[in-house]
Amino acid sequence: GRLLDESHTDEIIEHMLSISTGDERIKAGLPTGTPF
């Protein structure tokens, strides 16, 4: 929370959690359901 206020920090993290361009990268090797 050192870059943005709480609501905007949560907003950008939510966006990053939904990014699908990495589905075949690190996320593909993580246990299913691991938040990344």
PDB file of all heavy atoms in Angstrom:
ATOM      1  N   GLY A   1       0.780  -1.226   0.000  1.00  0.00           N
ATOM      2  CA  GLY A   1       0.000   0.000   0.000  1.00  0.00           C
ATOM      3  C   GLY A   1       0.807   1.268   0.000  1.00  0.00           C
ATOM      4  O   GLY A   1       0.315   2.326   0.419  1.00  0.00           O
ATOM      5  N   ARG A   2       2.031   1.210  -0.483  1.00  0.00           N
ATOM      6  CA  ARG A   2       2.904   2.379  -0.473  1.00  0.00           C
ATOM      7  C   ARG A   2       2.878   3.170  -1.782  1.00  0.00           C
ATOM      8  O   ARG A   2       3.537   4.211  -1.886  1.00  0.00           O
ATOM      9  CB  ARG A   2       4.345   1.955  -0.157  1.00  0.00           C
ATOM     10  CG  ARG A   2       4.498   1.357   1.240  1.00  0.00           C
ATOM     11  CD  ARG A   2       5.919   0.918   1.493  1.00  0.00           C
ATOM     12  NE  ARG A   2       6.064   0.351   2.837  1.00  0.00           N
ATOM     13  CZ  ARG A   2       7.186  -0.204   3.284  1.00  0.00           C
ATOM     14  NH1 ARG A   2       8.262  -0.245   2.502  1.00  0.00           N
ATOM     15  NH2 ARG A   2       7.232  -0.723   4.501  1.00  0.00           N
ATOM     16  N   LEU A   3       2.143   2.675  -2.770  1.00  0.00           N
ATOM     17  CA  LEU A   3       2.044   3.383  -4.041  1.00  0.00           C
ATOM     18  C   LEU A   3       0.687   4.042  -4.220  1.00  0.00           C
ATOM     19  O   LEU A   3       0.594   5.143  -4.754  1.00  0.00           O
ATOM     20  CB  LEU A   3       2.292   2.415  -5.217  1.00  0.00           C
ATOM     21  CG  LEU A   3       3.674   1.790  -5.342  1.00  0.00           C
ATOM     22  CD1 LEU A   3       3.732   0.907  -6.577  1.00  0.00           C
ATOM     23  CD2 LEU A   3       4.750   2.858  -5.423  1.00  0.00           C
ATOM     24  N   LEU A   4      -0.381   3.353  -3.794  1.00  0.00           N
ATOM     25  CA  LEU A   4      -1.739   3.824  -4.003  1.00  0.00           C
ATOM     26  C   LEU A   4      -2.528   3.722  -2.705  1.00  0.00           C
ATOM     27  O   LEU A   4      -2.108   3.032  -1.774  1.00  0.00           O
ATOM     28  CB  LEU A   4      -2.430   2.982  -5.080  1.00  0.00           C
ATOM     29  CG  LEU A   4      -1.739   2.902  -6.447  1.00  0.00           C
ATOM     30  CD1 LEU A   4      -2.372   1.818  -7.303  1.00  0.00           C
ATOM     31  CD2 LEU A   4      -1.793   4.248  -7.155  1.00  0.00           C
ATOM     32  N   ASP A   5      -3.687   4.383  -2.663  1.00  0.00           N
ATOM     33  CA  ASP A   5      -4.540   4.226  -1.492  1.00  0.00           C
ATOM     34  C   ASP A   5      -5.162   2.829  -1.521  1.00  0.00           C
ATOM     35  O   ASP A   5      -5.007   2.073  -2.483  1.00  0.00           O
ATOM     36  CB  ASP A   5      -5.607   5.314  -1.429  1.00  0.00           C
ATOM     37  CG  ASP A   5      -6.547   5.322  -2.632  1.00  0.00           C
ATOM     38  OD1 ASP A   5      -6.811   4.232  -3.203  1.00  0.00           O
ATOM     39  OD2 ASP A   5      -7.016   6.407  -3.002  1.00  0.00           O
ATOM     40  N   GLU A   6      -5.871   2.474  -0.455  1.00  0.00           N
ATOM     41  CA  GLU A   6      -6.357   1.099  -0.300  1.00  0.00           C
ATOM     42  C   GLU A   6      -7.277   0.661  -1.429  1.00  0.00           C
ATOM     43  O   GLU A   6      -7.130  -0.445  -1.958  1.00  0.00           O
ATOM     44  CB  GLU A   6      -7.090   0.961   1.031  1.00  0.00           C
ATOM     45  CG  GLU A   6      -7.536  -0.465   1.322  1.00  0.00           C
ATOM     46  CD  GLU A   6      -8.172  -0.602   2.690  1.00  0.00           C
ATOM     47  OE1 GLU A   6      -8.147   0.378   3.466  1.00  0.00           O
ATOM     48  OE2 GLU A   6      -8.703  -1.693   3.009  1.00  0.00           O
ATOM     49  N   SER A   7      -8.219   1.510  -1.814  1.00  0.00           N
ATOM     50  CA  SER A   7      -9.174   1.112  -2.845  1.00  0.00           C
ATOM     51  C   SER A   7      -8.509   0.914  -4.191  1.00  0.00           C
ATOM     52  O   SER A   7      -8.823  -0.029  -4.919  1.00  0.00           O
ATOM     53  CB  SER A   7     -10.293   2.147  -2.958  1.00  0.00           C
ATOM     54  OG  SER A   7      -9.793   3.396  -3.403  1.00  0.00           O
ATOM     55  N   HIS A   8      -7.551   1.778  -4.540  1.00  0.00           N
ATOM     56  CA  HIS A   8      -6.884   1.651  -5.838  1.00  0.00           C
ATOM     57  C   HIS A   8      -5.863   0.516  -5.826  1.00  0.00           C
ATOM     58  O   HIS A   8      -5.626  -0.116  -6.854  1.00  0.00           O
ATOM     59  CB  HIS A   8      -6.233   2.974  -6.233  1.00  0.00           C
ATOM     60  CG  HIS A   8      -7.222   4.019  -6.624  1.00  0.00           C
ATOM     61  ND1 HIS A   8      -7.663   4.990  -5.754  1.00  0.00           N
ATOM     62  CD2 HIS A   8      -7.879   4.234  -7.788  1.00  0.00           C
ATOM     63  CE1 HIS A   8      -8.532   5.765  -6.362  1.00  0.00           C
ATOM     64  NE2 HIS A   8      -8.697   5.325  -7.592  1.00  0.00           N
ATOM     65  N   THR A   9      -5.251   0.259  -4.673  1.00  0.00           N
ATOM     66  CA  THR A   9      -4.370  -0.906  -4.551  1.00  0.00           C
ATOM     67  C   THR A   9      -5.175  -2.171  -4.801  1.00  0.00           C
ATOM     68  O   THR A   9      -4.761  -3.059  -5.553  1.00  0.00           O
ATOM     69  CB  THR A   9      -3.719  -0.964  -3.165  1.00  0.00           C
ATOM     70  OG1 THR A   9      -2.890   0.184  -2.986  1.00  0.00           O
ATOM     71  CG2 THR A   9      -2.870  -2.224  -3.021  1.00  0.00           C
ATOM     72  N   ASP A  10      -6.343  -2.251  -4.185  1.00  0.00           N
ATOM     73  CA  ASP A  10      -7.203  -3.417  -4.367  1.00  0.00           C
ATOM     74  C   ASP A  10      -7.656  -3.551  -5.810  1.00  0.00           C
ATOM     75  O   ASP A  10      -7.719  -4.662  -6.353  1.00  0.00           O
ATOM     76  CB  ASP A  10      -8.419  -3.319  -3.453  1.00  0.00           C
ATOM     77  CG  ASP A  10      -9.254  -4.588  -3.473  1.00  0.00           C
ATOM     78  OD1 ASP A  10      -8.789  -5.614  -2.945  1.00  0.00           O
ATOM     79  OD2 ASP A  10     -10.370  -4.555  -4.036  1.00  0.00           O
ATOM     80  N   GLU A  11      -7.924  -2.424  -6.451  1.00  0.00           N
ATOM     81  CA  GLU A  11      -8.386  -2.441  -7.837  1.00  0.00           C
ATOM     82  C   GLU A  11      -7.316  -2.997  -8.777  1.00  0.00           C
ATOM     83  O   GLU A  11      -7.599  -3.828  -9.644  1.00  0.00           O
ATOM     84  CB  GLU A  11      -8.798  -1.038  -8.268  1.00  0.00           C
ATOM     85  CG  GLU A  11      -9.370  -0.957  -9.679  1.00  0.00           C
ATOM     86  CD  GLU A  11      -9.855   0.430 -10.036  1.00  0.00           C
ATOM     87  OE1 GLU A  11      -9.993   1.267  -9.115  1.00  0.00           O
ATOM     88  OE2 GLU A  11     -10.086   0.680 -11.228  1.00  0.00           O
ATOM     89  N   ILE A  12      -6.087  -2.538  -8.615  1.00  0.00           N
ATOM     90  CA  ILE A  12      -5.042  -2.996  -9.523  1.00  0.00           C
ATOM     91  C   ILE A  12      -4.663  -4.449  -9.242  1.00  0.00           C
ATOM     92  O   ILE A  12      -4.372  -5.219 -10.168  1.00  0.00           O
ATOM     93  CB  ILE A  12      -3.806  -2.066  -9.482  1.00  0.00           C
ATOM     94  CG1 ILE A  12      -2.930  -2.315 -10.711  1.00  0.00           C
ATOM     95  CG2 ILE A  12      -3.010  -2.268  -8.207  1.00  0.00           C
ATOM     96  CD1 ILE A  12      -1.845  -1.280 -10.909  1.00  0.00           C
ATOM     97  N   ILE A  13      -4.704  -4.869  -7.974  1.00  0.00           N
ATOM     98  CA  ILE A  13      -4.434  -6.272  -7.655  1.00  0.00           C
ATOM     99  C   ILE A  13      -5.518  -7.165  -8.261  1.00  0.00           C
ATOM    100  O   ILE A  13      -5.226  -8.230  -8.814  1.00  0.00           O
ATOM    101  CB  ILE A  13      -4.322  -6.478  -6.134  1.00  0.00           C
ATOM    102  CG1 ILE A  13      -3.000  -5.881  -5.627  1.00  0.00           C
ATOM    103  CG2 ILE A  13      -4.392  -7.970  -5.780  1.00  0.00           C
ATOM    104  CD1 ILE A  13      -2.834  -5.933  -4.129  1.00  0.00           C
ATOM    105  N   GLU A  14      -6.759  -6.729  -8.174  1.00  0.00           N
ATOM    106  CA  GLU A  14      -7.857  -7.492  -8.769  1.00  0.00           C
ATOM    107  C   GLU A  14      -7.656  -7.628 -10.273  1.00  0.00           C
ATOM    108  O   GLU A  14      -7.871  -8.694 -10.860  1.00  0.00           O
ATOM    109  CB  GLU A  14      -9.193  -6.811  -8.476  1.00  0.00           C
ATOM    110  CG  GLU A  14     -10.411  -7.569  -8.982  1.00  0.00           C
ATOM    111  CD  GLU A  14     -10.562  -8.925  -8.311  1.00  0.00           C
ATOM    112  OE1 GLU A  14     -10.171  -9.077  -7.144  1.00  0.00           O
ATOM    113  OE2 GLU A  14     -11.084  -9.847  -8.983  1.00  0.00           O
ATOM    114  N   HIS A  15      -7.217  -6.558 -10.908  1.00  0.00           N
ATOM    115  CA  HIS A  15      -6.942  -6.605 -12.347  1.00  0.00           C
ATOM    116  C   HIS A  15      -5.812  -7.581 -12.646  1.00  0.00           C
ATOM    117  O   HIS A  15      -5.901  -8.389 -13.575  1.00  0.00           O
ATOM    118  CB  HIS A  15      -6.580  -5.212 -12.854  1.00  0.00           C
ATOM    119  CG  HIS A  15      -6.126  -5.183 -14.278  1.00  0.00           C
ATOM    120  ND1 HIS A  15      -6.956  -5.474 -15.343  1.00  0.00           N
ATOM    121  CD2 HIS A  15      -4.906  -4.934 -14.827  1.00  0.00           C
ATOM    122  CE1 HIS A  15      -6.277  -5.387 -16.477  1.00  0.00           C
ATOM    123  NE2 HIS A  15      -5.031  -5.056 -16.186  1.00  0.00           N
ATOM    124  N   MET A  16      -4.746  -7.538 -11.856  1.00  0.00           N
ATOM    125  CA  MET A  16      -3.602  -8.421 -12.073  1.00  0.00           C
ATOM    126  C   MET A  16      -3.974  -9.886 -11.828  1.00  0.00           C
ATOM    127  O   MET A  16      -3.449 -10.783 -12.488  1.00  0.00           O
ATOM    128  CB  MET A  16      -2.436  -8.002 -11.184  1.00  0.00           C
ATOM    129  CG  MET A  16      -1.825  -6.656 -11.558  1.00  0.00           C
ATOM    130  SD  MET A  16      -0.612  -6.051 -10.350  1.00  0.00           S
ATOM    131  CE  MET A  16       0.698  -7.270 -10.575  1.00  0.00           C
ATOM    132  N   LEU A  17      -4.889 -10.133 -10.902  1.00  0.00           N
ATOM    133  CA  LEU A  17      -5.338 -11.503 -10.662  1.00  0.00           C
ATOM    134  C   LEU A  17      -6.120 -12.059 -11.846  1.00  0.00           C
ATOM    135  O   LEU A  17      -6.157 -13.272 -12.060  1.00  0.00           O
ATOM    136  CB  LEU A  17      -6.213 -11.548  -9.401  1.00  0.00           C
ATOM    137  CG  LEU A  17      -5.491 -11.441  -8.064  1.00  0.00           C
ATOM    138  CD1 LEU A  17      -6.486 -11.176  -6.944  1.00  0.00           C
ATOM    139  CD2 LEU A  17      -4.678 -12.705  -7.780  1.00  0.00           C
ATOM    140  N   SER A  18      -6.741 -11.178 -12.613  1.00  0.00           N
ATOM    141  CA  SER A  18      -7.573 -11.620 -13.738  1.00  0.00           C
ATOM    142  C   SER A  18      -6.819 -11.707 -15.056  1.00  0.00           C
ATOM    143  O   SER A  18      -7.371 -12.172 -16.057  1.00  0.00           O
ATOM    144  CB  SER A  18      -8.760 -10.661 -13.910  1.00  0.00           C
ATOM    145  OG  SER A  18      -8.333  -9.383 -14.361  1.00  0.00           O
ATOM    146  N   ILE A  19      -5.553 -11.285 -15.075  1.00  0.00           N
ATOM    147  CA  ILE A  19      -4.772 -11.300 -16.320  1.00  0.00           C
ATOM    148  C   ILE A  19      -4.585 -12.737 -16.801  1.00  0.00           C
ATOM    149  O   ILE A  19      -4.165 -13.612 -16.049  1.00  0.00           O
ATOM    150  CB  ILE A  19      -3.414 -10.610 -16.111  1.00  0.00           C
ATOM    151  CG1 ILE A  19      -3.615  -9.095 -16.019  1.00  0.00           C
ATOM    152  CG2 ILE A  19      -2.445 -10.938 -17.239  1.00  0.00           C
ATOM    153  CD1 ILE A  19      -2.360  -8.314 -15.711  1.00  0.00           C
ATOM    154  N   SER A  20      -4.906 -12.973 -18.062  1.00  0.00           N
ATOM    155  CA  SER A  20      -4.846 -14.331 -18.624  1.00  0.00           C
ATOM    156  C   SER A  20      -3.646 -14.564 -19.520  1.00  0.00           C
ATOM    157  O   SER A  20      -3.392 -15.706 -19.925  1.00  0.00           O
ATOM    158  CB  SER A  20      -6.130 -14.627 -19.408  1.00  0.00           C
ATOM    159  OG  SER A  20      -6.293 -13.701 -20.475  1.00  0.00           O
ATOM    160  N   THR A  21      -2.866 -13.515 -19.831  1.00  0.00           N
ATOM    161  CA  THR A  21      -1.720 -13.695 -20.728  1.00  0.00           C
ATOM    162  C   THR A  21      -0.636 -14.562 -20.094  1.00  0.00           C
ATOM    163  O   THR A  21       0.262 -15.035 -20.793  1.00  0.00           O
ATOM    164  CB  THR A  21      -1.113 -12.333 -21.119  1.00  0.00           C
ATOM    165  OG1 THR A  21      -0.814 -11.595 -19.932  1.00  0.00           O
ATOM    166  CG2 THR A  21      -2.085 -11.544 -21.984  1.00  0.00           C
ATOM    167  N   GLY A  22      -0.726 -14.765 -18.768  1.00  0.00           N
ATOM    168  CA  GLY A  22       0.264 -15.601 -18.096  1.00  0.00           C
ATOM    169  C   GLY A  22      -0.235 -16.986 -17.751  1.00  0.00           C
ATOM    170  O   GLY A  22       0.421 -17.707 -16.989  1.00  0.00           O
ATOM    171  N   ASP A  23      -1.366 -17.372 -18.314  1.00  0.00           N
ATOM    172  CA  ASP A  23      -1.930 -18.690 -17.984  1.00  0.00           C
ATOM    173  C   ASP A  23      -0.986 -19.836 -18.313  1.00  0.00           C
ATOM    174  O   ASP A  23      -1.050 -20.904 -17.685  1.00  0.00           O
ATOM    175  CB  ASP A  23      -3.263 -18.900 -18.711  1.00  0.00           C
ATOM    176  CG  ASP A  23      -4.397 -18.109 -18.086  1.00  0.00           C
ATOM    177  OD1 ASP A  23      -4.184 -17.506 -17.020  1.00  0.00           O
ATOM    178  OD2 ASP A  23      -5.501 -18.077 -18.677  1.00  0.00           O
ATOM    179  N   GLU A  24      -0.115 -19.655 -19.307  1.00  0.00           N
ATOM    180  CA  GLU A  24       0.822 -20.714 -19.694  1.00  0.00           C
ATOM    181  C   GLU A  24       2.224 -20.452 -19.170  1.00  0.00           C
ATOM    182  O   GLU A  24       3.173 -21.097 -19.606  1.00  0.00           O
ATOM    183  CB  GLU A  24       0.853 -20.846 -21.226  1.00  0.00           C
ATOM    184  CG  GLU A  24      -0.493 -21.169 -21.865  1.00  0.00           C
ATOM    185  CD  GLU A  24      -1.088 -22.449 -21.318  1.00  0.00           C
ATOM    186  OE1 GLU A  24      -0.316 -23.418 -21.113  1.00  0.00           O
ATOM    187  OE2 GLU A  24      -2.315 -22.492 -21.079  1.00  0.00           O
ATOM    188  N   ARG A  25       2.356 -19.529 -18.251  1.00  0.00           N
ATOM    189  CA  ARG A  25       3.678 -19.202 -17.706  1.00  0.00           C
ATOM    190  C   ARG A  25       3.782 -19.687 -16.255  1.00  0.00           C
ATOM    191  O   ARG A  25       3.500 -20.854 -15.976  1.00  0.00           O
ATOM    192  CB  ARG A  25       3.938 -17.703 -17.868  1.00  0.00           C
ATOM    193  CG  ARG A  25       3.954 -17.311 -19.358  1.00  0.00           C
ATOM    194  CD  ARG A  25       4.447 -15.932 -19.654  1.00  0.00           C
ATOM    195  NE  ARG A  25       4.404 -15.678 -21.096  1.00  0.00           N
ATOM    196  CZ  ARG A  25       4.896 -14.604 -21.699  1.00  0.00           C
ATOM    197  NH1 ARG A  25       5.489 -13.660 -20.989  1.00  0.00           N
ATOM    198  NH2 ARG A  25       4.815 -14.473 -23.009  1.00  0.00           N
ATOM    199  N   ILE A  26       4.197 -18.866 -15.336  1.00  0.00           N
ATOM    200  CA  ILE A  26       4.390 -19.312 -13.953  1.00  0.00           C
ATOM    201  C   ILE A  26       3.113 -19.923 -13.392  1.00  0.00           C
ATOM    202  O   ILE A  26       3.145 -20.957 -12.709  1.00  0.00           O
ATOM    203  CB  ILE A  26       4.872 -18.137 -13.079  1.00  0.00           C
ATOM    204  CG1 ILE A  26       6.308 -17.738 -13.475  1.00  0.00           C
ATOM    205  CG2 ILE A  26       4.821 -18.500 -11.599  1.00  0.00           C
ATOM    206  CD1 ILE A  26       6.814 -16.489 -12.786  1.00  0.00           C
ATOM    207  N   LYS A  27       1.995 -19.310 -13.668  1.00  0.00           N
ATOM    208  CA  LYS A  27       0.711 -19.785 -13.153  1.00  0.00           C
ATOM    209  C   LYS A  27       0.441 -21.237 -13.530  1.00  0.00           C
ATOM    210  O   LYS A  27      -0.169 -21.985 -12.763  1.00  0.00           O
ATOM    211  CB  LYS A  27      -0.411 -18.890 -13.672  1.00  0.00           C
ATOM    212  CG  LYS A  27      -1.772 -19.190 -13.088  1.00  0.00           C
ATOM    213  CD  LYS A  27      -2.813 -18.191 -13.601  1.00  0.00           C
ATOM    214  CE  LYS A  27      -4.186 -18.485 -13.035  1.00  0.00           C
ATOM    215  NZ  LYS A  27      -5.188 -17.490 -13.540  1.00  0.00           N
ATOM    216  N   ALA A  28       0.909 -21.651 -14.721  1.00  0.00           N
ATOM    217  CA  ALA A  28       0.666 -23.015 -15.184  1.00  0.00           C
ATOM    218  C   ALA A  28       1.337 -24.053 -14.306  1.00  0.00           C
ATOM    219  O   ALA A  28       0.900 -25.211 -14.253  1.00  0.00           O
ATOM    220  CB  ALA A  28       1.144 -23.167 -16.634  1.00  0.00           C
ATOM    221  N   GLY A  29       2.407 -23.682 -13.610  1.00  0.00           N
ATOM    222  CA  GLY A  29       3.117 -24.624 -12.756  1.00  0.00           C
ATOM    223  C   GLY A  29       2.704 -24.581 -11.300  1.00  0.00           C
ATOM    224  O   GLY A  29       3.088 -25.450 -10.515  1.00  0.00           O
ATOM    225  N   LEU A  30       1.915 -23.571 -10.930  1.00  0.00           N
ATOM    226  CA  LEU A  30       1.472 -23.434  -9.545  1.00  0.00           C
ATOM    227  C   LEU A  30       0.330 -24.397  -9.239  1.00  0.00           C
ATOM    228  O   LEU A  30      -0.425 -24.779 -10.139  1.00  0.00           O
ATOM    229  CB  LEU A  30       1.009 -22.000  -9.285  1.00  0.00           C
ATOM    230  CG  LEU A  30       2.052 -20.884  -9.384  1.00  0.00           C
ATOM    231  CD1 LEU A  30       1.375 -19.521  -9.321  1.00  0.00           C
ATOM    232  CD2 LEU A  30       3.085 -21.015  -8.263  1.00  0.00           C
ATOM    233  N   PRO A  31       0.172 -24.786  -7.984  1.00  0.00           N
ATOM    234  CA  PRO A  31      -0.989 -25.595  -7.610  1.00  0.00           C
ATOM    235  C   PRO A  31      -2.279 -24.876  -7.997  1.00  0.00           C
ATOM    236  O   PRO A  31      -2.372 -23.647  -7.877  1.00  0.00           O
ATOM    237  CB  PRO A  31      -0.859 -25.720  -6.090  1.00  0.00           C
ATOM    238  CG  PRO A  31       0.605 -25.560  -5.831  1.00  0.00           C
ATOM    239  CD  PRO A  31       1.079 -24.561  -6.845  1.00  0.00           C
ATOM    240  N   THR A  32      -3.266 -25.601  -8.507  1.00  0.00           N
ATOM    241  CA  THR A  32      -4.524 -25.014  -8.949  1.00  0.00           C
ATOM    242  C   THR A  32      -5.146 -24.161  -7.848  1.00  0.00           C
ATOM    243  O   THR A  32      -5.227 -24.572  -6.697  1.00  0.00           O
ATOM    244  CB  THR A  32      -5.515 -26.115  -9.353  1.00  0.00           C
ATOM    245  OG1 THR A  32      -4.927 -26.911 -10.392  1.00  0.00           O
ATOM    246  CG2 THR A  32      -6.815 -25.517  -9.860  1.00  0.00           C
ATOM    247  N   GLY A  33      -5.557 -22.958  -8.236  1.00  0.00           N
ATOM    248  CA  GLY A  33      -6.226 -22.069  -7.288  1.00  0.00           C
ATOM    249  C   GLY A  33      -5.315 -21.138  -6.531  1.00  0.00           C
ATOM    250  O   GLY A  33      -5.802 -20.315  -5.745  1.00  0.00           O
ATOM    251  N   THR A  34      -4.008 -21.228  -6.751  1.00  0.00           N
ATOM    252  CA  THR A  34      -3.082 -20.325  -6.059  1.00  0.00           C
ATOM    253  C   THR A  34      -3.270 -18.895  -6.558  1.00  0.00           C
ATOM    254  O   THR A  34      -3.120 -18.642  -7.756  1.00  0.00           O
ATOM    255  CB  THR A  34      -1.626 -20.745  -6.292  1.00  0.00           C
ATOM    256  OG1 THR A  34      -1.424 -22.082  -5.858  1.00  0.00           O
ATOM    257  CG2 THR A  34      -0.679 -19.814  -5.543  1.00  0.00           C
ATOM    258  N   PRO A  35      -3.595 -17.940  -5.700  1.00  0.00           N
ATOM    259  CA  PRO A  35      -3.741 -16.551  -6.145  1.00  0.00           C
ATOM    260  C   PRO A  35      -2.393 -15.998  -6.622  1.00  0.00           C
ATOM    261  O   PRO A  35      -1.407 -16.045  -5.888  1.00  0.00           O
ATOM    262  CB  PRO A  35      -4.221 -15.810  -4.893  1.00  0.00           C
ATOM    263  CG  PRO A  35      -4.721 -16.875  -3.969  1.00  0.00           C
ATOM    264  CD  PRO A  35      -3.889 -18.082  -4.257  1.00  0.00           C
ATOM    265  N   PHE A  36      -2.353 -15.498  -7.844  1.00  0.00           N
ATOM    266  CA  PHE A  36      -1.124 -14.941  -8.400  1.00  0.00           C
ATOM    267  C   PHE A  36      -1.473 -13.684  -9.186  1.00  0.00           C
ATOM    268  O   PHE A  36      -2.000 -13.761 -10.295  1.00  0.00           O
ATOM    269  CB  PHE A  36      -0.423 -15.966  -9.291  1.00  0.00           C
ATOM    270  CG  PHE A  36       0.918 -15.520  -9.818  1.00  0.00           C
ATOM    271  CD1 PHE A  36       1.856 -14.929  -8.985  1.00  0.00           C
ATOM    272  CD2 PHE A  36       1.255 -15.698 -11.158  1.00  0.00           C
ATOM    273  CE1 PHE A  36       3.104 -14.525  -9.458  1.00  0.00           C
ATOM    274  CE2 PHE A  36       2.495 -15.303 -11.652  1.00  0.00           C
ATOM    275  CZ  PHE A  36       3.419 -14.710 -10.803  1.00  0.00           C
TER     276      PHE A  36
END
